[in-house]
Protein backbone atom coordinates (compact mmCIF):
# COMPACT_ATOMS: atom_id res chain seq x y z
CA MET A 1 19.40 -9.09 -6.49
CA ARG A 2 19.63 -9.17 -2.70
CA LEU A 3 16.39 -8.37 -0.90
CA ALA A 4 15.92 -7.33 2.72
CA LEU A 5 12.45 -7.39 4.27
CA VAL A 6 11.37 -5.17 7.15
CA GLY A 7 8.08 -6.67 8.28
CA PHE A 8 7.10 -10.29 7.82
CA GLY A 9 3.35 -10.31 8.34
CA ASN A 10 0.66 -11.48 5.92
CA VAL A 11 2.06 -9.62 2.90
CA GLY A 12 5.71 -10.36 3.56
CA ARG A 13 5.06 -14.04 4.15
CA ARG A 14 2.94 -14.36 1.02
CA PHE A 15 5.63 -12.61 -1.03
CA ALA A 16 8.21 -15.06 0.34
CA GLU A 17 5.98 -18.02 -0.58
CA LEU A 18 5.51 -16.76 -4.12
CA LEU A 19 9.19 -15.86 -4.49
CA ARG A 20 9.94 -19.58 -4.17
CA GLY A 21 7.58 -20.25 -7.09
CA PRO A 22 6.08 -18.01 -9.80
CA TYR A 23 7.70 -14.76 -8.66
CA GLY A 24 11.15 -16.35 -8.72
CA ARG A 25 10.53 -17.67 -12.23
CA ILE A 26 9.35 -14.27 -13.47
CA LEU A 27 12.43 -12.55 -12.05
CA ARG A 28 14.75 -15.18 -13.53
CA ARG A 29 13.19 -14.65 -16.95
CA ALA A 30 14.06 -10.97 -16.50
CA GLY A 31 17.67 -11.99 -15.86
CA VAL A 32 17.67 -11.68 -12.08
CA GLU A 33 18.16 -14.27 -9.37
CA ALA A 34 16.58 -12.88 -6.20
CA ARG A 35 17.62 -13.98 -2.75
CA VAL A 36 16.47 -12.73 0.62
CA THR A 37 19.50 -11.87 2.74
CA GLY A 38 17.67 -10.46 5.74
CA ILE A 39 14.32 -10.23 7.50
CA ALA A 40 13.52 -7.93 10.43
CA THR A 41 10.34 -8.15 12.48
CA ALA A 42 9.02 -6.37 15.54
CA ARG A 43 7.96 -9.46 17.49
CA HIS A 44 9.57 -12.54 15.93
CA GLY A 45 13.22 -11.56 15.80
CA SER A 46 15.52 -10.71 12.92
CA ALA A 47 18.03 -12.62 10.81
CA ILE A 48 20.77 -11.82 8.32
CA ASP A 49 22.54 -14.33 6.09
CA ALA A 50 24.67 -12.96 3.24
CA ARG A 51 24.37 -16.29 1.39
CA GLY A 52 20.57 -16.06 1.42
CA LEU A 53 18.06 -17.13 4.04
CA SER A 54 16.08 -20.33 3.60
CA LEU A 55 12.60 -19.00 2.99
CA SER A 56 11.08 -22.37 3.91
CA ARG A 57 12.74 -22.20 7.32
CA CYS A 58 11.77 -18.55 7.77
CA LEU A 59 8.13 -19.34 7.02
CA ARG A 60 8.12 -22.21 9.53
CA ALA A 61 10.09 -20.48 12.29
CA LYS A 62 8.42 -19.03 15.37
CA SER A 63 11.51 -16.87 15.88
CA LEU A 64 14.04 -15.73 13.28
CA HIS A 65 16.89 -15.32 15.78
CA PRO A 66 18.27 -18.88 15.28
CA LEU A 67 18.63 -18.20 11.53
CA ASN A 68 20.84 -15.16 12.04
CA ARG A 69 24.42 -15.63 10.75
CA GLU A 70 25.74 -12.24 11.86
CA ARG A 71 26.36 -10.65 15.24
CA PRO A 72 23.17 -9.85 17.19
CA ILE A 73 20.91 -7.23 15.60
CA GLY A 74 20.13 -4.40 17.95
CA SER A 75 17.21 -2.68 16.21
CA THR A 76 15.47 -2.37 12.87
CA LEU A 77 17.66 0.62 11.98
CA ASP A 78 20.73 -1.43 12.92
CA PHE A 79 19.41 -4.15 10.61
CA ILE A 80 18.97 -1.65 7.74
CA ARG A 81 22.48 -0.29 8.23
CA ARG A 82 24.08 -3.75 8.21
CA VAL A 83 22.08 -6.10 5.99
CA PRO A 84 23.90 -6.95 2.70
CA ALA A 85 21.14 -5.95 0.29
CA ASP A 86 20.35 -4.05 -2.88
CA VAL A 87 16.65 -3.43 -2.21
CA LEU A 88 14.74 -2.86 1.01
CA LEU A 89 11.13 -4.09 1.04
CA GLU A 90 9.36 -2.05 3.70
CA LEU A 91 6.26 -4.01 4.75
CA THR A 92 5.39 -2.75 8.22
CA THR A 93 1.90 -1.81 9.37
CA LEU A 94 0.37 1.61 8.85
CA ASP A 95 0.66 4.60 11.15
CA PRO A 96 -1.55 6.96 9.14
CA LYS A 97 -0.89 10.07 11.20
CA ARG A 98 2.92 10.18 10.96
CA GLY A 99 3.88 7.36 8.61
CA LEU A 100 6.28 5.98 11.22
CA PRO A 101 8.26 3.80 11.45
CA ALA A 102 8.02 3.24 7.68
CA VAL A 103 9.26 6.75 6.81
CA ARG A 104 12.26 6.30 9.10
CA HIS A 105 13.06 2.89 7.57
CA ALA A 106 12.79 4.20 4.00
CA ARG A 107 14.96 7.21 4.76
CA ALA A 108 17.68 5.09 6.41
CA ALA A 109 17.77 2.66 3.48
CA LEU A 110 17.94 5.43 0.88
CA GLU A 111 20.68 7.21 2.83
CA ARG A 112 22.65 3.97 2.73
CA GLY A 113 22.17 3.68 -1.04
CA LEU A 114 19.49 1.00 -1.24
CA ASP A 115 16.49 1.10 -3.53
CA VAL A 116 13.27 1.04 -1.50
CA ILE A 117 9.92 -0.57 -2.25
CA THR A 118 7.08 -0.22 0.22
CA ALA A 119 3.54 -1.53 0.44
CA ASN A 120 2.97 0.84 3.35
CA LYS A 121 1.02 3.91 2.31
CA GLY A 122 2.39 6.02 5.18
CA PRO A 123 5.59 7.24 3.46
CA ALA A 124 3.79 8.33 0.28
CA ALA A 125 1.01 9.90 2.33
CA CYS A 126 3.24 11.79 4.77
CA GLU A 127 6.73 12.36 3.33
CA LEU A 128 6.69 11.61 -0.38
CA ARG A 129 8.48 14.69 -1.71
CA PRO A 130 11.42 14.50 0.75
CA LEU A 131 11.83 10.77 0.13
CA LEU A 132 11.81 11.19 -3.65
CA ALA A 133 14.31 14.03 -3.36
CA LEU A 134 16.60 11.87 -1.22
CA ALA A 135 16.27 8.97 -3.67
CA GLY A 136 17.22 11.32 -6.50
CA ARG A 137 20.31 12.56 -4.69
CA LYS A 138 21.38 8.97 -4.03
CA ARG A 139 20.50 7.85 -7.57
CA ARG A 140 18.15 5.28 -6.12
CA ARG A 141 14.45 4.54 -6.56
CA PHE A 142 11.60 4.84 -4.05
CA LEU A 143 8.58 2.87 -5.30
CA PHE A 144 5.17 2.39 -3.69
CA GLU A 145 2.68 0.87 -6.13
CA GLY A 146 1.15 -1.20 -3.32
CA ALA A 147 0.18 1.91 -1.34
CA VAL A 148 -3.19 2.24 -3.14
CA MET A 149 -5.44 -0.50 -4.57
CA ASP A 150 -2.89 -3.22 -3.77
CA GLY A 151 -1.27 -4.44 -7.01
CA THR A 152 -3.73 -2.75 -9.36
CA PRO A 153 -1.65 -0.21 -11.31
CA VAL A 154 -2.34 3.38 -10.33
CA PHE A 155 1.00 5.19 -10.13
CA ASN A 156 2.62 2.99 -12.78
CA LEU A 157 -0.40 3.49 -15.04
CA VAL A 158 0.00 7.26 -14.98
CA ALA A 159 3.80 7.19 -15.20
CA ARG A 160 4.04 4.68 -18.04
CA CYS A 161 0.82 5.07 -20.02
CA LEU A 162 -0.21 8.72 -19.68
CA PRO A 163 2.77 10.86 -20.74
CA GLY A 164 2.04 14.56 -20.62
CA VAL A 165 -1.30 14.11 -18.86
CA ARG A 166 -2.11 16.20 -15.76
CA VAL A 167 -4.32 14.73 -13.06
CA LEU A 168 -6.73 17.49 -12.06
CA GLY A 169 -8.64 15.60 -9.38
CA PHE A 170 -9.90 12.19 -8.34
CA ARG A 171 -12.63 10.36 -6.50
CA GLY A 172 -12.55 6.81 -5.28
CA MET A 173 -13.83 4.03 -3.09
CA LEU A 174 -10.48 2.84 -1.81
CA ASN A 175 -10.98 1.01 1.49
CA THR A 176 -11.91 -2.65 1.10
CA THR A 177 -12.88 -3.16 4.74
CA THR A 178 -15.50 -0.40 4.84
CA ALA A 179 -16.85 -1.38 1.41
CA ARG A 180 -17.40 -4.96 2.58
CA ILE A 181 -18.81 -3.91 5.95
CA LEU A 182 -21.39 -1.68 4.26
CA SER A 183 -22.14 -4.35 1.66
CA GLY A 184 -22.63 -6.86 4.47
CA MET A 185 -24.99 -4.49 6.26
CA GLU A 186 -27.00 -4.19 3.04
CA ASN A 187 -27.40 -7.98 3.17
CA GLY A 188 -28.33 -8.13 6.85
CA THR A 189 -24.92 -8.85 8.41
CA SER A 190 -24.06 -6.73 11.43
CA PHE A 191 -21.26 -4.17 11.40
CA GLU A 192 -19.36 -6.18 14.04
CA ASP A 193 -19.62 -9.52 12.21
CA SER A 194 -18.52 -8.00 8.90
CA LEU A 195 -15.51 -6.37 10.55
CA ALA A 196 -14.54 -9.64 12.28
CA GLU A 197 -14.63 -11.39 8.90
CA MET A 198 -12.29 -8.78 7.41
CA GLN A 199 -9.88 -9.26 10.31
CA ASP A 200 -9.96 -13.05 9.90
CA GLU A 201 -9.06 -12.66 6.21
CA GLY A 202 -6.18 -10.30 7.02
CA ILE A 203 -7.79 -7.48 5.00
CA ALA A 204 -8.61 -5.08 7.83
CA GLU A 205 -5.74 -3.00 9.20
CA ALA A 206 -4.03 -4.27 12.36
CA ASP A 207 -5.89 -1.47 14.16
CA PRO A 208 -9.37 -1.61 12.58
CA ARG A 209 -10.02 1.98 13.60
CA ASN A 210 -7.67 2.97 10.79
CA ASP A 211 -10.27 1.54 8.41
CA VAL A 212 -13.61 2.41 10.00
CA ASP A 213 -12.55 5.91 11.09
CA GLY A 214 -11.29 6.76 7.60
CA TRP A 215 -7.56 7.00 8.33
CA ASP A 216 -6.62 4.35 5.76
CA ALA A 217 -8.72 6.09 3.09
CA ALA A 218 -7.21 9.45 4.06
CA ALA A 219 -3.68 8.05 3.70
CA LYS A 220 -4.49 6.62 0.28
CA GLY A 221 -6.02 9.90 -0.81
CA CYS A 222 -2.90 11.78 0.29
CA ALA A 223 -0.64 9.28 -1.50
CA ILE A 224 -2.58 9.86 -4.73
CA ALA A 225 -2.64 13.64 -4.29
CA ASN A 226 1.07 13.81 -3.46
CA ALA A 227 2.17 11.47 -6.25
CA LEU A 228 -0.18 12.46 -9.06
CA MET A 229 -1.11 16.08 -8.27
CA LYS A 230 2.21 17.24 -6.74
CA ALA A 231 0.47 18.07 -3.48
CA GLU A 232 2.20 18.33 -0.12
CA THR A 233 -0.54 17.11 2.15
CA ARG A 234 -0.79 14.47 4.86
CA PRO A 235 -3.61 12.50 6.54
CA THR A 236 -3.84 14.79 9.56
CA LEU A 237 -4.85 17.62 7.19
CA VAL A 238 -7.68 15.63 5.58
CA ASP A 239 -11.32 16.53 6.24
CA ARG A 240 -12.20 13.02 7.47
CA VAL A 241 -15.38 11.24 8.59
CA GLY A 242 -15.51 7.46 9.02
CA ILE A 243 -18.41 4.98 8.94
CA SER A 244 -18.78 4.36 12.68
CA GLU A 245 -22.01 6.37 12.79
CA VAL A 246 -23.58 4.70 9.74
CA THR A 247 -26.43 2.46 10.92
CA ALA A 248 -28.25 -0.47 9.36
CA ASP A 249 -31.28 1.83 8.99
CA ASP A 250 -29.14 4.34 7.07
CA VAL A 251 -27.99 1.59 4.69
CA ARG A 252 -31.50 0.21 4.12
CA THR A 253 -32.96 3.70 3.63
CA ALA A 254 -30.29 4.47 1.05
CA LEU A 255 -31.11 1.31 -0.90
CA ARG A 256 -34.82 2.16 -0.90
CA MET A 257 -33.87 5.51 -2.45
CA ARG A 258 -31.79 3.65 -5.09
CA THR A 259 -28.52 4.83 -3.62
CA ARG A 260 -25.65 3.03 -1.90
CA ILE A 261 -23.55 4.33 0.98
CA ARG A 262 -19.81 3.95 0.64
CA LEU A 263 -16.76 5.68 2.13
CA ILE A 264 -15.57 8.01 -0.64
CA VAL A 265 -12.24 9.80 -1.03
CA ARG A 266 -12.09 12.97 -3.11
CA GLY A 267 -9.11 15.06 -4.17
CA GLU A 268 -9.61 18.51 -5.65
CA ARG A 269 -7.38 21.38 -6.74
CA ASP A 270 -8.21 25.01 -6.01
CA GLY A 271 -5.44 27.10 -7.55
CA ARG A 272 -2.21 25.85 -6.02
CA LYS A 273 -3.92 24.11 -3.13
CA VAL A 274 -4.94 20.45 -3.26
CA SER A 275 -7.43 19.25 -0.66
CA VAL A 276 -8.44 15.68 0.21
CA ARG A 277 -11.76 14.76 1.80
CA VAL A 278 -13.05 11.42 3.16
CA ALA A 279 -16.67 10.80 4.13
CA PRO A 280 -19.57 8.36 3.67
CA GLU A 281 -21.69 9.33 0.68
CA ALA A 282 -24.96 7.99 -0.69
CA LEU A 283 -24.34 7.63 -4.42
CA PRO A 284 -26.82 6.63 -7.15
CA LEU A 285 -26.72 2.93 -7.97
CA ASP A 286 -25.45 3.68 -11.48
CA ASP A 287 -22.50 5.76 -10.22
CA PRO A 288 -19.31 3.93 -11.30
CA LEU A 289 -17.97 4.09 -7.72
CA VAL A 290 -20.76 1.84 -6.46
CA ALA A 291 -22.35 0.28 -9.56
CA SER A 292 -20.50 -3.02 -9.22
CA GLU A 293 -19.31 -5.04 -6.24
CA GLN A 294 -15.67 -4.05 -6.54
CA ASP A 295 -13.25 -3.77 -3.63
CA GLY A 296 -11.76 -0.61 -5.06
CA VAL A 297 -12.66 1.97 -7.68
CA LEU A 298 -10.66 5.07 -8.58
CA ILE A 299 -11.62 7.69 -11.14
CA LEU A 300 -8.97 10.16 -12.23
CA GLU A 301 -9.98 13.46 -13.79
CA THR A 302 -7.36 14.49 -16.33
CA ASP A 303 -6.78 17.40 -18.69
CA LEU A 304 -6.11 15.47 -21.91
CA MET A 305 -7.98 12.18 -21.39
CA GLY A 306 -11.03 13.23 -19.42
CA GLU A 307 -12.03 10.68 -16.81
CA ILE A 308 -10.15 7.39 -16.47
CA GLY A 309 -11.57 4.64 -14.25
CA ILE A 310 -9.58 1.90 -12.50
CA LEU A 311 -11.39 -1.08 -10.99
CA GLU A 312 -10.02 -3.60 -8.48
CA GLY A 313 -11.78 -6.92 -8.05
CA PRO A 314 -11.70 -8.97 -4.83
CA SER A 315 -8.49 -8.01 -3.08
CA GLY A 316 -6.24 -9.68 -0.54
CA VAL A 317 -2.65 -10.37 0.34
CA ASP A 318 -1.93 -11.90 -3.10
CA GLN A 319 -2.71 -8.59 -4.76
CA THR A 320 -0.52 -6.60 -2.36
CA ALA A 321 2.31 -9.12 -2.72
CA TYR A 322 2.08 -8.67 -6.48
CA ALA A 323 2.64 -4.91 -6.07
CA ILE A 324 6.08 -5.73 -4.67
CA LEU A 325 6.88 -7.90 -7.70
CA SER A 326 5.60 -5.14 -10.00
CA ASP A 327 7.93 -2.60 -8.42
CA LEU A 328 10.85 -5.05 -8.54
CA MET A 329 10.25 -5.48 -12.27
CA ALA A 330 10.16 -1.69 -12.65
CA LEU A 331 13.55 -1.51 -10.93
CA ILE A 332 14.98 -4.12 -13.26
CA GLU A 333 13.56 -2.45 -16.38
CA SER A 334 14.91 0.96 -15.32
CA GLY A 335 18.41 -0.43 -14.89
CA ALA A 336 18.52 0.96 -11.35
CA LEU A 337 20.18 -2.17 -10.02
CA LEU A 338 23.12 -1.72 -12.41
CA ARG A 339 24.14 1.70 -11.07
């Protein structure tokens, strides 16, 4: 199985590290030897080697250009057109308003006949139905488990474990950065110091405004609505309020009233229309969305199973890297790589 990576930041690098160890062993037990034949980055060059790149050298290199064994690579789309691969791993950063360039990368790879796995929520939030339709025409797979709650199963849970169930709505606390900022404020840490800590840990988005202004949560809500409720929405259509105006006094007052403020995403159906809303809410301390110190909580409202809750413990790049492995295993199990 030949893998090509577009994006080699925190998640891509951690996936490469684990592919040399436990991930590689898991894939080999499934009958697959995985090798990375190309990596494309925006700032550190790109490299293609049909024999397989040395991941140790890639992880140490300041620039990937010296590792390239093909003619010079002109652009990321040129890389996608030329790299000898079976699966494209799209791991670029989020543009929540348009889903670019991730949507463009996914479309180009599918058009070429590659399976696509992304940890970027933009494609599922902005262009899911067209991408799935294209994948179907090409008899390929477009997978995106890492788009919401990192590697905690959301889309795979519904697809594999809830046959015949309709998702009628959902509510969730889905942005780790805002959850930890508000938790820090409850404990006396300033908004600015909590955000800086999230950036140091690589948890906050590259542009932290995507987190604090609610864009990340809106994109996740749209990904859930599009994938599980057959909606055709996008983040720019979301009724969205971030946490920038939440003060330490607001947080302390909420606690005195036995409530906790968190940024909440809600998806609701009204006839054929599905709407997504993001806003800070003060919820009772026993509400499952805030009752425990989880980084992510999602509650699905279903027709046949009532409410189903999904909890995510402390999250980070390991969890997102695992989502890629999870989708690779789904590809193997589906036999997609044999077509």
